[in-house]
C-alpha cells in the first residue's frame, strides 16, 4: 500500500515538474509600457473615484507611485496657501505637508476636508503606500497640463461625465488634456444606460 502511494506521488511529480521549455525566463519586450508614476485627476465626484480605482489596480500590478491632483475653487482664505503638496503614507497613517509650506499654514477647514476626502478615497481604493496629493486652484485642464510638464508621468487617469455623442463624448477638461499632453491617457466614462444614449 505504501509503495503504491509512493509511486503515485512520484508519477505526479514527473507530470508537473517544470520542463526545460516552461522553466525558461520570459523577457518583457523593451517597448512594453511601464508605469513608474500615475497621475489621477480627482474632484471627489463618482467618476473620479472610479478613475482612482482603475489607477489603484494598475499601481498594484506595476508597483507605481500615485499622484492625485485636485483643483478646488480658491477662495479668500486659500490665496496664500495654494498650491499645496501633501505626501501621505497611508499604511502608517502619516500625512506630511511639503516643506515649502510653513507648519500651521494649512488650517482652513474646507482644505482640511478636501485632504480628508482624498485620504478616505485612497483607502477605499485599496492604496496603502506613499501617495502624493497636489491641490491647486484654477483651471482643471491647465493645472493638469502644467503638472505633467513639471513631473514625469507614465499615465494619466481621469473620469469624464459627458457622453453626449461618440464624437463629443469627452468633457472639455478631458478633451483639452488629451489634445495637449504627450502622456498616455486613460479616460473613464460613465456607461450609457440606453443604446441611443451615445
Protein backbone atom coordinates (compact mmCIF):
# COMPACT_ATOMS: atom_id res chain seq x y z
CA UNK A 1 0.00 0.00 0.00
CA UNK A 2 2.86 2.38 0.93
CA UNK A 3 4.72 1.53 -2.28
CA UNK A 4 1.59 2.30 -4.33
CA UNK A 5 1.23 5.73 -2.75
CA UNK A 6 4.95 6.50 -3.28
CA UNK A 7 4.59 5.51 -6.95
CA UNK A 8 1.54 7.75 -7.22
CA UNK A 9 3.41 10.74 -5.73
CA UNK A 10 6.40 10.09 -7.99
CA UNK A 11 4.15 9.99 -11.08
CA UNK A 12 2.50 13.31 -10.09
CA UNK A 13 5.90 14.95 -9.55
CA UNK A 14 7.02 13.82 -13.02
CA UNK A 15 3.84 15.10 -14.64
CA UNK A 16 4.01 18.51 -13.03
CA UNK A 17 7.77 19.06 -12.80
CA UNK A 18 8.89 22.03 -14.90
CA UNK A 19 10.17 21.14 -18.33
CA UNK A 20 13.14 22.85 -19.94
CA UNK A 21 10.77 24.87 -22.12
CA UNK A 22 8.49 26.02 -19.28
CA UNK A 23 11.37 26.96 -16.99
CA UNK A 24 12.83 29.45 -19.48
CA UNK A 25 12.75 33.04 -18.27
CA UNK A 26 10.34 35.12 -20.33
CA UNK A 27 11.73 38.56 -21.00
CA UNK A 28 9.47 41.58 -21.17
CA UNK A 29 9.79 43.35 -24.55
CA UNK A 30 11.67 46.65 -24.39
CA UNK A 31 8.68 48.57 -25.79
CA UNK A 32 6.34 47.12 -23.15
CA UNK A 33 4.82 50.01 -21.16
CA UNK A 34 5.98 50.51 -17.60
CA UNK A 35 4.23 52.70 -15.06
CA UNK A 36 6.53 54.33 -12.53
CA UNK A 37 4.18 57.20 -11.68
CA UNK A 38 0.45 57.65 -12.40
CA UNK A 39 -1.42 60.95 -12.26
CA UNK A 40 -5.07 60.78 -11.23
CA UNK A 41 -7.38 63.76 -11.72
CA UNK A 42 -9.58 63.74 -8.63
CA UNK A 43 -12.50 66.03 -7.80
CA UNK A 44 -14.45 63.91 -5.31
CA UNK A 45 -17.19 63.06 -7.83
CA UNK A 46 -18.22 59.49 -8.66
CA UNK A 47 -16.32 59.26 -11.97
CA UNK A 48 -13.07 60.45 -10.41
CA UNK A 49 -13.45 57.85 -7.64
CA UNK A 50 -13.88 55.15 -10.28
CA UNK A 51 -10.81 56.54 -12.08
CA UNK A 52 -8.91 56.21 -8.79
CA UNK A 53 -9.92 52.54 -8.56
CA UNK A 54 -8.50 51.95 -12.05
CA UNK A 55 -5.27 53.71 -11.11
CA UNK A 56 -5.03 51.70 -7.87
CA UNK A 57 -5.38 48.45 -9.82
CA UNK A 58 -2.66 49.43 -12.31
CA UNK A 59 -0.47 50.63 -9.44
CA UNK A 60 -0.71 47.28 -7.67
CA UNK A 61 0.31 45.41 -10.80
CA UNK A 62 3.17 47.74 -11.73
CA UNK A 63 4.16 48.93 -8.22
CA UNK A 64 3.86 52.53 -9.35
CA UNK A 65 3.51 55.75 -7.38
CA UNK A 66 0.17 57.55 -7.48
CA UNK A 67 -0.17 61.33 -7.58
CA UNK A 68 -3.66 62.81 -7.11
CA UNK A 69 -4.35 66.29 -8.43
CA UNK A 70 -7.39 68.11 -7.09
CA UNK A 71 -8.41 71.53 -8.39
CA UNK A 72 -10.56 73.46 -5.95
CA UNK A 73 -12.19 76.85 -6.27
CA UNK A 74 -9.76 79.08 -4.45
CA UNK A 75 -11.42 81.45 -2.01
CA UNK A 76 -10.05 84.32 0.01
CA UNK A 77 -8.63 82.17 2.82
CA UNK A 78 -6.63 80.00 0.40
CA UNK A 79 -4.95 82.67 -1.75
CA UNK A 80 -1.66 82.45 0.15
CA UNK A 81 -1.84 78.68 0.72
CA UNK A 82 -2.43 77.12 -2.70
CA UNK A 83 -0.86 75.24 -4.33
CA UNK A 84 -0.31 72.61 -1.66
CA UNK A 85 1.68 69.38 -1.95
CA UNK A 86 0.96 66.66 0.61
CA UNK A 87 2.89 63.41 0.92
CA UNK A 88 0.92 60.65 2.61
CA UNK A 89 1.98 57.24 3.80
CA UNK A 90 -1.41 55.57 4.03
CA UNK A 91 -0.01 52.37 5.51
CA UNK A 92 1.42 54.23 8.51
CA UNK A 93 -1.39 56.82 8.65
CA UNK A 94 1.14 59.64 8.14
CA UNK A 95 0.40 62.90 6.34
CA UNK A 96 3.20 65.39 5.73
CA UNK A 97 2.77 68.86 4.28
CA UNK A 98 5.53 69.62 1.78
CA UNK A 99 8.49 71.55 3.13
CA UNK A 100 7.69 74.70 1.15
CA UNK A 101 4.71 75.37 3.42
CA UNK A 102 5.28 76.50 6.98
CA UNK A 103 3.82 74.36 9.71
CA UNK A 104 0.38 75.57 10.70
CA UNK A 105 -0.36 77.34 7.41
CA UNK A 106 -2.99 74.80 6.42
CA UNK A 107 -5.74 75.47 8.90
CA UNK A 108 -8.57 76.22 6.51
CA UNK A 109 -11.49 73.93 7.36
CA UNK A 110 -12.51 73.42 3.73
CA UNK A 111 -8.96 72.49 2.69
CA UNK A 112 -8.65 70.04 5.58
CA UNK A 113 -11.92 68.43 4.46
CA UNK A 114 -10.53 68.07 0.91
CA UNK A 115 -7.40 66.36 2.28
CA UNK A 116 -9.51 64.03 4.42
CA UNK A 117 -11.75 63.21 1.45
CA UNK A 118 -8.73 62.34 -0.73
CA UNK A 119 -7.24 60.18 2.03
CA UNK A 120 -10.53 58.31 2.52
CA UNK A 121 -10.91 57.75 -1.24
CA UNK A 122 -7.38 56.33 -1.49
CA UNK A 123 -8.00 53.94 1.38
CA UNK A 124 -11.31 52.85 -0.18
CA UNK A 125 -9.44 52.11 -3.43
CA UNK A 126 -7.01 49.92 -1.51
CA UNK A 127 -3.99 52.21 -1.79
CA UNK A 128 -1.70 51.59 1.16
CA UNK A 129 1.64 53.09 0.16
CA UNK A 130 3.11 56.54 -0.31
CA UNK A 131 0.78 58.80 -2.29
CA UNK A 132 1.17 62.45 -3.24
CA UNK A 133 -1.73 64.92 -3.19
CA UNK A 134 -1.41 68.08 -5.29
CA UNK A 135 -4.09 70.68 -4.55
CA UNK A 136 -4.40 73.70 -6.82
CA UNK A 137 -6.83 76.49 -7.53
CA UNK A 138 -7.50 77.43 -11.14
CA UNK A 139 -8.48 75.74 -14.40
CA UNK A 140 -8.50 71.92 -14.07
CA UNK A 141 -7.17 71.27 -17.59
CA UNK A 142 -4.44 73.92 -17.31
CA UNK A 143 -3.26 72.69 -13.91
CA UNK A 144 -3.14 69.05 -15.08
CA UNK A 145 -1.15 70.08 -18.15
CA UNK A 146 1.22 72.24 -16.06
CA UNK A 147 1.83 69.41 -13.61
CA UNK A 148 2.65 66.96 -16.41
CA UNK A 149 5.25 69.48 -17.62
CA UNK A 150 6.79 69.67 -14.14
CA UNK A 151 6.74 65.96 -13.21
CA UNK A 152 7.34 62.81 -15.24
CA UNK A 153 4.21 60.67 -15.56
CA UNK A 154 3.73 57.40 -17.43
CA UNK A 155 -0.08 57.53 -17.38
CA UNK A 156 -2.88 59.99 -16.65
CA UNK A 157 -6.19 58.56 -15.41
CA UNK A 158 -9.27 60.75 -15.31
CA UNK A 159 -13.03 60.48 -15.39
CA UNK A 160 -15.34 62.17 -17.88
CA UNK A 161 -19.03 62.64 -17.14
CA UNK A 162 -20.19 63.86 -20.55
CA UNK A 163 -21.31 61.30 -23.10
CA UNK A 164 -23.38 63.44 -25.48
CA UNK A 165 -22.19 61.62 -28.61
CA UNK A 166 -19.41 59.38 -29.87
CA UNK A 167 -17.57 62.42 -31.30
CA UNK A 168 -18.18 64.80 -28.44
CA UNK A 169 -18.05 62.11 -25.77
CA UNK A 170 -15.46 63.88 -23.61
CA UNK A 171 -15.86 66.78 -21.28
CA UNK A 172 -13.86 69.93 -22.04
CA UNK A 173 -11.19 69.13 -19.43
CA UNK A 174 -10.53 65.61 -20.74
CA UNK A 175 -10.56 66.86 -24.33
CA UNK A 176 -8.02 69.62 -23.62
CA UNK A 177 -5.72 67.28 -21.68
CA UNK A 178 -5.91 64.66 -24.45
CA UNK A 179 -5.08 67.27 -27.10
CA UNK A 180 -2.18 68.81 -25.18
CA UNK A 181 -0.41 66.20 -23.04
CA UNK A 182 2.04 63.77 -24.60
CA UNK A 183 1.39 61.21 -21.84
CA UNK A 184 -0.85 58.14 -22.34
CA UNK A 185 -4.33 58.98 -21.09
CA UNK A 186 -6.92 56.58 -19.68
CA UNK A 187 -10.37 58.18 -19.64
CA UNK A 188 -13.07 56.54 -17.56
CA UNK A 189 -16.55 57.32 -18.86
CA UNK A 190 -19.96 56.72 -17.38
CA UNK A 191 -21.57 53.72 -19.05
CA UNK A 192 -24.72 54.62 -21.00
CA UNK A 193 -27.96 53.10 -19.69
CA UNK A 194 -29.64 53.01 -23.10
CA UNK A 195 -28.38 52.10 -26.57
CA UNK A 196 -29.17 55.51 -28.04
CA UNK A 197 -27.64 57.44 -25.13
CA UNK A 198 -24.43 57.83 -27.16
